[in-house]
C-alpha atoms as a PDB file:
ATOM      1  CA  UNK A   1      -8.631 -17.852 -12.837  1.00  0.00           C
ATOM      2  CA  UNK A   2     -10.611 -18.243  -9.599  1.00  0.00           C
ATOM      3  CA  UNK A   3     -10.531 -16.555  -6.215  1.00  0.00           C
ATOM      4  CA  UNK A   4      -9.116 -18.702  -3.409  1.00  0.00           C
ATOM      5  CA  UNK A   5     -11.005 -19.400  -0.132  1.00  0.00           C
ATOM      6  CA  UNK A   6     -10.118 -19.203   3.555  1.00  0.00           C
ATOM      7  CA  UNK A   7      -9.010 -22.853   3.862  1.00  0.00           C
ATOM      8  CA  UNK A   8      -6.515 -22.415   0.976  1.00  0.00           C
ATOM      9  CA  UNK A   9      -5.161 -19.233   2.607  1.00  0.00           C
ATOM     10  CA  UNK A  10      -4.772 -21.095   5.935  1.00  0.00           C
ATOM     11  CA  UNK A  11      -2.862 -23.958   4.282  1.00  0.00           C
ATOM     12  CA  UNK A  12      -0.538 -21.591   2.426  1.00  0.00           C
ATOM     13  CA  UNK A  13       0.039 -19.520   5.563  1.00  0.00           C
ATOM     14  CA  UNK A  14       1.245 -22.691   7.316  1.00  0.00           C
ATOM     15  CA  UNK A  15       3.785 -22.995   4.472  1.00  0.00           C
ATOM     16  CA  UNK A  16       5.000 -19.415   5.057  1.00  0.00           C
ATOM     17  CA  UNK A  17       2.916 -17.364   2.601  1.00  0.00           C
ATOM     18  CA  UNK A  18       1.877 -14.864   5.334  1.00  0.00           C
ATOM     19  CA  UNK A  19       3.948 -14.206   8.466  1.00  0.00           C
ATOM     20  CA  UNK A  20       2.765 -13.336  11.050  1.00  0.00           C
ATOM     21  CA  UNK A  21      -0.628 -14.841  10.283  1.00  0.00           C
ATOM     22  CA  UNK A  22      -3.929 -14.517  12.125  1.00  0.00           C
ATOM     23  CA  UNK A  23      -6.174 -17.546  11.608  1.00  0.00           C
ATOM     24  CA  UNK A  24      -9.444 -15.747  12.346  1.00  0.00           C
ATOM     25  CA  UNK A  25     -10.877 -12.245  12.097  1.00  0.00           C
ATOM     26  CA  UNK A  26      -9.830 -10.062  15.034  1.00  0.00           C
ATOM     27  CA  UNK A  27     -12.297  -7.194  15.346  1.00  0.00           C
ATOM     28  CA  UNK A  28     -13.228  -6.307  18.943  1.00  0.00           C
ATOM     29  CA  UNK A  29     -12.488  -2.615  19.554  1.00  0.00           C
ATOM     30  CA  UNK A  30     -10.356  -2.223  16.431  1.00  0.00           C
ATOM     31  CA  UNK A  31     -10.386  -2.269  12.645  1.00  0.00           C
ATOM     32  CA  UNK A  32     -10.510  -5.960  11.758  1.00  0.00           C
ATOM     33  CA  UNK A  33      -7.646  -8.080  10.457  1.00  0.00           C
ATOM     34  CA  UNK A  34      -6.960 -11.763   9.778  1.00  0.00           C
ATOM     35  CA  UNK A  35      -8.359 -14.357   7.403  1.00  0.00           C
ATOM     36  CA  UNK A  36     -11.839 -13.824   5.942  1.00  0.00           C
ATOM     37  CA  UNK A  37     -13.999 -15.926   3.614  1.00  0.00           C
ATOM     38  CA  UNK A  38     -11.996 -15.114   0.471  1.00  0.00           C
ATOM     39  CA  UNK A  39      -9.153 -12.913   1.593  1.00  0.00           C
ATOM     40  CA  UNK A  40      -6.729 -11.768   4.239  1.00  0.00           C
ATOM     41  CA  UNK A  41      -7.078  -8.413   6.020  1.00  0.00           C
ATOM     42  CA  UNK A  42      -3.579  -7.103   6.702  1.00  0.00           C
ATOM     43  CA  UNK A  43      -2.369  -4.642   9.340  1.00  0.00           C
ATOM     44  CA  UNK A  44      -0.250  -1.537   8.957  1.00  0.00           C
ATOM     45  CA  UNK A  45       2.977  -1.337  10.958  1.00  0.00           C
ATOM     46  CA  UNK A  46       3.697   1.720  13.181  1.00  0.00           C
ATOM     47  CA  UNK A  47       6.143   3.071  10.564  1.00  0.00           C
ATOM     48  CA  UNK A  48       4.974   5.885   8.277  1.00  0.00           C
ATOM     49  CA  UNK A  49       6.443   8.291   5.763  1.00  0.00           C
ATOM     50  CA  UNK A  50       4.164  11.328   5.505  1.00  0.00           C
ATOM     51  CA  UNK A  51       4.648  13.581   2.494  1.00  0.00           C
ATOM     52  CA  UNK A  52       5.365  17.234   3.194  1.00  0.00           C
ATOM     53  CA  UNK A  53       5.985  20.317   1.125  1.00  0.00           C
ATOM     54  CA  UNK A  54       8.234  22.080   3.629  1.00  0.00           C
ATOM     55  CA  UNK A  55      11.143  22.157   1.149  1.00  0.00           C
ATOM     56  CA  UNK A  56       8.918  22.752  -1.923  1.00  0.00           C
ATOM     57  CA  UNK A  57       9.996  19.388  -3.291  1.00  0.00           C
ATOM     58  CA  UNK A  58       8.726  17.992  -6.571  1.00  0.00           C
ATOM     59  CA  UNK A  59       7.621  14.363  -6.548  1.00  0.00           C
ATOM     60  CA  UNK A  60       9.614  12.596  -9.254  1.00  0.00           C
ATOM     61  CA  UNK A  61       9.384   8.786  -9.400  1.00  0.00           C
ATOM     62  CA  UNK A  62      12.665   8.678 -11.375  1.00  0.00           C
ATOM     63  CA  UNK A  63      14.545  10.870  -8.880  1.00  0.00           C
ATOM     64  CA  UNK A  64      12.760  10.593  -5.569  1.00  0.00           C
ATOM     65  CA  UNK A  65      13.967  12.984  -2.876  1.00  0.00           C
ATOM     66  CA  UNK A  66      13.804  11.805   0.736  1.00  0.00           C
ATOM     67  CA  UNK A  67      13.177  15.428   1.756  1.00  0.00           C
ATOM     68  CA  UNK A  68       9.657  14.892   0.331  1.00  0.00           C
ATOM     69  CA  UNK A  69       8.466  13.251   3.554  1.00  0.00           C
ATOM     70  CA  UNK A  70       8.846  13.086   7.320  1.00  0.00           C
ATOM     71  CA  UNK A  71       9.207   9.804   9.203  1.00  0.00           C
ATOM     72  CA  UNK A  72       6.745   8.930  11.922  1.00  0.00           C
ATOM     73  CA  UNK A  73       7.010   5.891  14.191  1.00  0.00           C
ATOM     74  CA  UNK A  74       3.656   5.994  15.928  1.00  0.00           C
ATOM     75  CA  UNK A  75       0.561   3.977  16.782  1.00  0.00           C
ATOM     76  CA  UNK A  76      -1.675   6.700  15.277  1.00  0.00           C
ATOM     77  CA  UNK A  77      -0.514   8.508  12.145  1.00  0.00           C
ATOM     78  CA  UNK A  78      -2.176  11.864  11.506  1.00  0.00           C
ATOM     79  CA  UNK A  79      -2.493  12.331   7.764  1.00  0.00           C
ATOM     80  CA  UNK A  80      -2.871  16.021   6.857  1.00  0.00           C
ATOM     81  CA  UNK A  81      -5.789  17.172   4.661  1.00  0.00           C
ATOM     82  CA  UNK A  82      -5.445  16.311   0.965  1.00  0.00           C
ATOM     83  CA  UNK A  83      -2.170  14.560   1.730  1.00  0.00           C
ATOM     84  CA  UNK A  84      -0.440  11.260   1.219  1.00  0.00           C
ATOM     85  CA  UNK A  85       1.640   8.816   3.274  1.00  0.00           C
ATOM     86  CA  UNK A  86       3.411   5.498   2.870  1.00  0.00           C
ATOM     87  CA  UNK A  87       3.257   2.643   5.342  1.00  0.00           C
ATOM     88  CA  UNK A  88       3.879  -1.082   5.251  1.00  0.00           C
ATOM     89  CA  UNK A  89       2.166  -4.259   6.295  1.00  0.00           C
ATOM     90  CA  UNK A  90       3.140  -5.996   9.498  1.00  0.00           C
ATOM     91  CA  UNK A  91       2.797  -9.208   7.526  1.00  0.00           C
ATOM     92  CA  UNK A  92       5.559 -10.471   5.231  1.00  0.00           C
ATOM     93  CA  UNK A  93       4.158 -12.181   2.115  1.00  0.00           C
ATOM     94  CA  UNK A  94       5.616 -14.929  -0.111  1.00  0.00           C
ATOM     95  CA  UNK A  95       3.365 -15.359  -3.139  1.00  0.00           C
ATOM     96  CA  UNK A  96       3.179 -18.784  -4.871  1.00  0.00           C
ATOM     97  CA  UNK A  97       4.216 -19.018  -8.532  1.00  0.00           C
ATOM     98  CA  UNK A  98       0.672 -19.641  -9.821  1.00  0.00           C
ATOM     99  CA  UNK A  99      -1.063 -16.895  -7.783  1.00  0.00           C
ATOM    100  CA  UNK A 100      -1.710 -13.176  -8.321  1.00  0.00           C
ATOM    101  CA  UNK A 101      -2.834 -11.052  -5.359  1.00  0.00           C
ATOM    102  CA  UNK A 102      -5.018  -7.940  -5.557  1.00  0.00           C
ATOM    103  CA  UNK A 103      -5.385  -5.519  -2.645  1.00  0.00           C
ATOM    104  CA  UNK A 104      -8.405  -3.387  -1.773  1.00  0.00           C
ATOM    105  CA  UNK A 105      -8.747  -0.807   0.981  1.00  0.00           C
ATOM    106  CA  UNK A 106     -11.042  -1.548   3.909  1.00  0.00           C
ATOM    107  CA  UNK A 107     -14.448   0.098   3.802  1.00  0.00           C
ATOM    108  CA  UNK A 108     -13.965   1.593   7.282  1.00  0.00           C
ATOM    109  CA  UNK A 109     -11.198   3.823   5.891  1.00  0.00           C
ATOM    110  CA  UNK A 110     -12.849   4.375   2.489  1.00  0.00           C
ATOM    111  CA  UNK A 111     -15.960   5.721   4.234  1.00  0.00           C
ATOM    112  CA  UNK A 112     -13.708   8.303   5.906  1.00  0.00           C
ATOM    113  CA  UNK A 113     -12.184   9.441   2.609  1.00  0.00           C
ATOM    114  CA  UNK A 114      -8.925   7.533   3.115  1.00  0.00           C
ATOM    115  CA  UNK A 115      -7.919   5.552   0.050  1.00  0.00           C
ATOM    116  CA  UNK A 116      -5.488   2.636   0.366  1.00  0.00           C
ATOM    117  CA  UNK A 117      -3.655   1.661  -2.817  1.00  0.00           C
ATOM    118  CA  UNK A 118      -1.337  -1.247  -3.537  1.00  0.00           C
ATOM    119  CA  UNK A 119      -0.263  -2.615  -6.891  1.00  0.00           C
ATOM    120  CA  UNK A 120      -0.833  -6.364  -7.461  1.00  0.00           C
ATOM    121  CA  UNK A 121       1.485  -8.812  -5.721  1.00  0.00           C
ATOM    122  CA  UNK A 122       2.918 -10.796  -8.600  1.00  0.00           C
ATOM    123  CA  UNK A 123       3.743 -14.515  -8.732  1.00  0.00           C
ATOM    124  CA  UNK A 124       6.780 -15.347  -6.537  1.00  0.00           C
ATOM    125  CA  UNK A 125       7.085 -11.804  -5.171  1.00  0.00           C
ATOM    126  CA  UNK A 126       7.918 -11.584  -1.472  1.00  0.00           C
ATOM    127  CA  UNK A 127       8.314  -8.852   1.112  1.00  0.00           C
ATOM    128  CA  UNK A 128       6.516  -6.375   3.308  1.00  0.00           C
ATOM    129  CA  UNK A 129       3.874  -4.655   1.209  1.00  0.00           C
ATOM    130  CA  UNK A 130       4.337  -0.893   0.922  1.00  0.00           C
ATOM    131  CA  UNK A 131       0.928   0.735   1.390  1.00  0.00           C
ATOM    132  CA  UNK A 132      -0.086   4.074  -0.103  1.00  0.00           C
ATOM    133  CA  UNK A 133      -2.609   6.177   1.856  1.00  0.00           C
ATOM    134  CA  UNK A 134      -4.410   9.195   0.368  1.00  0.00           C
ATOM    135  CA  UNK A 135      -6.475  11.517   2.541  1.00  0.00           C
ATOM    136  CA  UNK A 136      -9.006  12.896   0.072  1.00  0.00           C
ATOM    137  CA  UNK A 137     -10.735  15.087   2.671  1.00  0.00           C
ATOM    138  CA  UNK A 138     -10.142  18.710   3.736  1.00  0.00           C
ATOM    139  CA  UNK A 139      -9.671  17.441   7.327  1.00  0.00           C
ATOM    140  CA  UNK A 140      -6.815  15.646   9.114  1.00  0.00           C
ATOM    141  CA  UNK A 141      -7.333  11.880   9.278  1.00  0.00           C
ATOM    142  CA  UNK A 142      -6.074   9.100  11.550  1.00  0.00           C
ATOM    143  CA  UNK A 143      -4.535   5.801  10.477  1.00  0.00           C
ATOM    144  CA  UNK A 144      -4.273   3.243  13.274  1.00  0.00           C
ATOM    145  CA  UNK A 145      -1.124   1.114  13.327  1.00  0.00           C
ATOM    146  CA  UNK A 146      -1.368  -2.570  14.279  1.00  0.00           C
ATOM    147  CA  UNK A 147      -4.945  -2.718  12.933  1.00  0.00           C
ATOM    148  CA  UNK A 148      -6.484  -3.746   9.604  1.00  0.00           C
ATOM    149  CA  UNK A 149      -6.178  -1.388   6.636  1.00  0.00           C
ATOM    150  CA  UNK A 150      -6.627  -3.497   3.508  1.00  0.00           C
ATOM    151  CA  UNK A 151      -7.722  -6.879   2.201  1.00  0.00           C
ATOM    152  CA  UNK A 152      -5.671  -9.123  -0.064  1.00  0.00           C
ATOM    153  CA  UNK A 153      -7.547 -11.359  -2.523  1.00  0.00           C
ATOM    154  CA  UNK A 154      -5.728 -14.389  -3.954  1.00  0.00           C
ATOM    155  CA  UNK A 155      -6.352 -15.554  -7.536  1.00  0.00           C
ATOM    156  CA  UNK A 156      -4.984 -18.826  -8.902  1.00  0.00           C
ATOM    157  CA  UNK A 157      -3.952 -18.824 -12.556  1.00  0.00           C
ATOM    158  CA  UNK A 158      -5.097 -21.554 -14.908  1.00  0.00           C
ATOM    159  CA  UNK A 159      -1.412 -22.454 -15.299  1.00  0.00           C
ATOM    160  CA  UNK A 160       1.918 -21.212 -13.962  1.00  0.00           C
ATOM    161  CA  UNK A 161       3.420 -18.136 -15.579  1.00  0.00           C
ATOM    162  CA  UNK A 162       6.511 -18.486 -17.772  1.00  0.00           C
ATOM    163  CA  UNK A 163       8.400 -15.702 -15.972  1.00  0.00           C
ATOM    164  CA  UNK A 164       7.691 -14.783 -12.349  1.00  0.00           C
ATOM    165  CA  UNK A 165       8.638 -11.619 -10.453  1.00  0.00           C
ATOM    166  CA  UNK A 166      11.471 -13.595  -8.848  1.00  0.00           C
ATOM    167  CA  UNK A 167      12.697 -14.892 -12.235  1.00  0.00           C
ATOM    168  CA  UNK A 168      13.065 -11.365 -13.590  1.00  0.00           C
ATOM    169  CA  UNK A 169      14.683 -10.111 -10.357  1.00  0.00           C
ATOM    170  CA  UNK A 170      12.044  -7.413  -9.798  1.00  0.00           C
ATOM    171  CA  UNK A 171      13.290  -4.244  -8.121  1.00  0.00           C
ATOM    172  CA  UNK A 172      10.991  -4.554  -5.083  1.00  0.00           C
ATOM    173  CA  UNK A 173      11.793  -8.226  -4.383  1.00  0.00           C
ATOM    174  CA  UNK A 174      12.371  -9.004  -0.707  1.00  0.00           C
ATOM    175  CA  UNK A 175      11.605  -5.466   0.475  1.00  0.00           C
ATOM    176  CA  UNK A 176      11.526  -4.848   4.204  1.00  0.00           C
ATOM    177  CA  UNK A 177      10.094  -1.759   5.803  1.00  0.00           C
ATOM    178  CA  UNK A 178       8.519   1.111   3.866  1.00  0.00           C
ATOM    179  CA  UNK A 179      10.149   1.048   0.437  1.00  0.00           C
ATOM    180  CA  UNK A 180      10.453   4.223  -1.607  1.00  0.00           C
ATOM    181  CA  UNK A 181      10.056   4.412  -5.408  1.00  0.00           C
ATOM    182  CA  UNK A 182      13.078   3.299  -7.400  1.00  0.00           C
ATOM    183  CA  UNK A 183      14.195   2.910 -10.982  1.00  0.00           C
ATOM    184  CA  UNK A 184      16.548   0.152 -12.120  1.00  0.00           C
ATOM    185  CA  UNK A 185      19.941   1.407 -13.264  1.00  0.00           C
ATOM    186  CA  UNK A 186      20.847   0.858 -16.907  1.00  0.00           C
END
């Protein structure tokens, strides 16, 4: 399994793998986004779900309560100290059958104590990527919408998988917007 370069990402983007797609790094006056040597730096949309404890909710991935967060549509999300928020990429991804995608947070945010987490994008998954932001500091932190927040790295398998995310009808297939945790019904 090898990591795929910028020219492969460009070719796949032309086929619809990333939409919208930025063919070069955009960096002047903002946190960079667009294609890089071996990855794609994605942007966060101005749509956030910030966790709150106003109602003394318990976070339960099997029974998630929408009262656990407040919605914010904003160009700058203020993440409270030691808190957590969900966002989503501006970009919509369609992953090829023989590719696995890993996401890493950008160092600009990591150096400020903001951790970006995303689980791998599996073969033939598609959708907006839900992004998880953790503010590990005792201070409020800013997340800038419409700017880069994470980098996706594309790895080509030695052969195609037998069963893709699409084949097994994964529960987050085709997600749009910020998608909350869910459990498949029996």
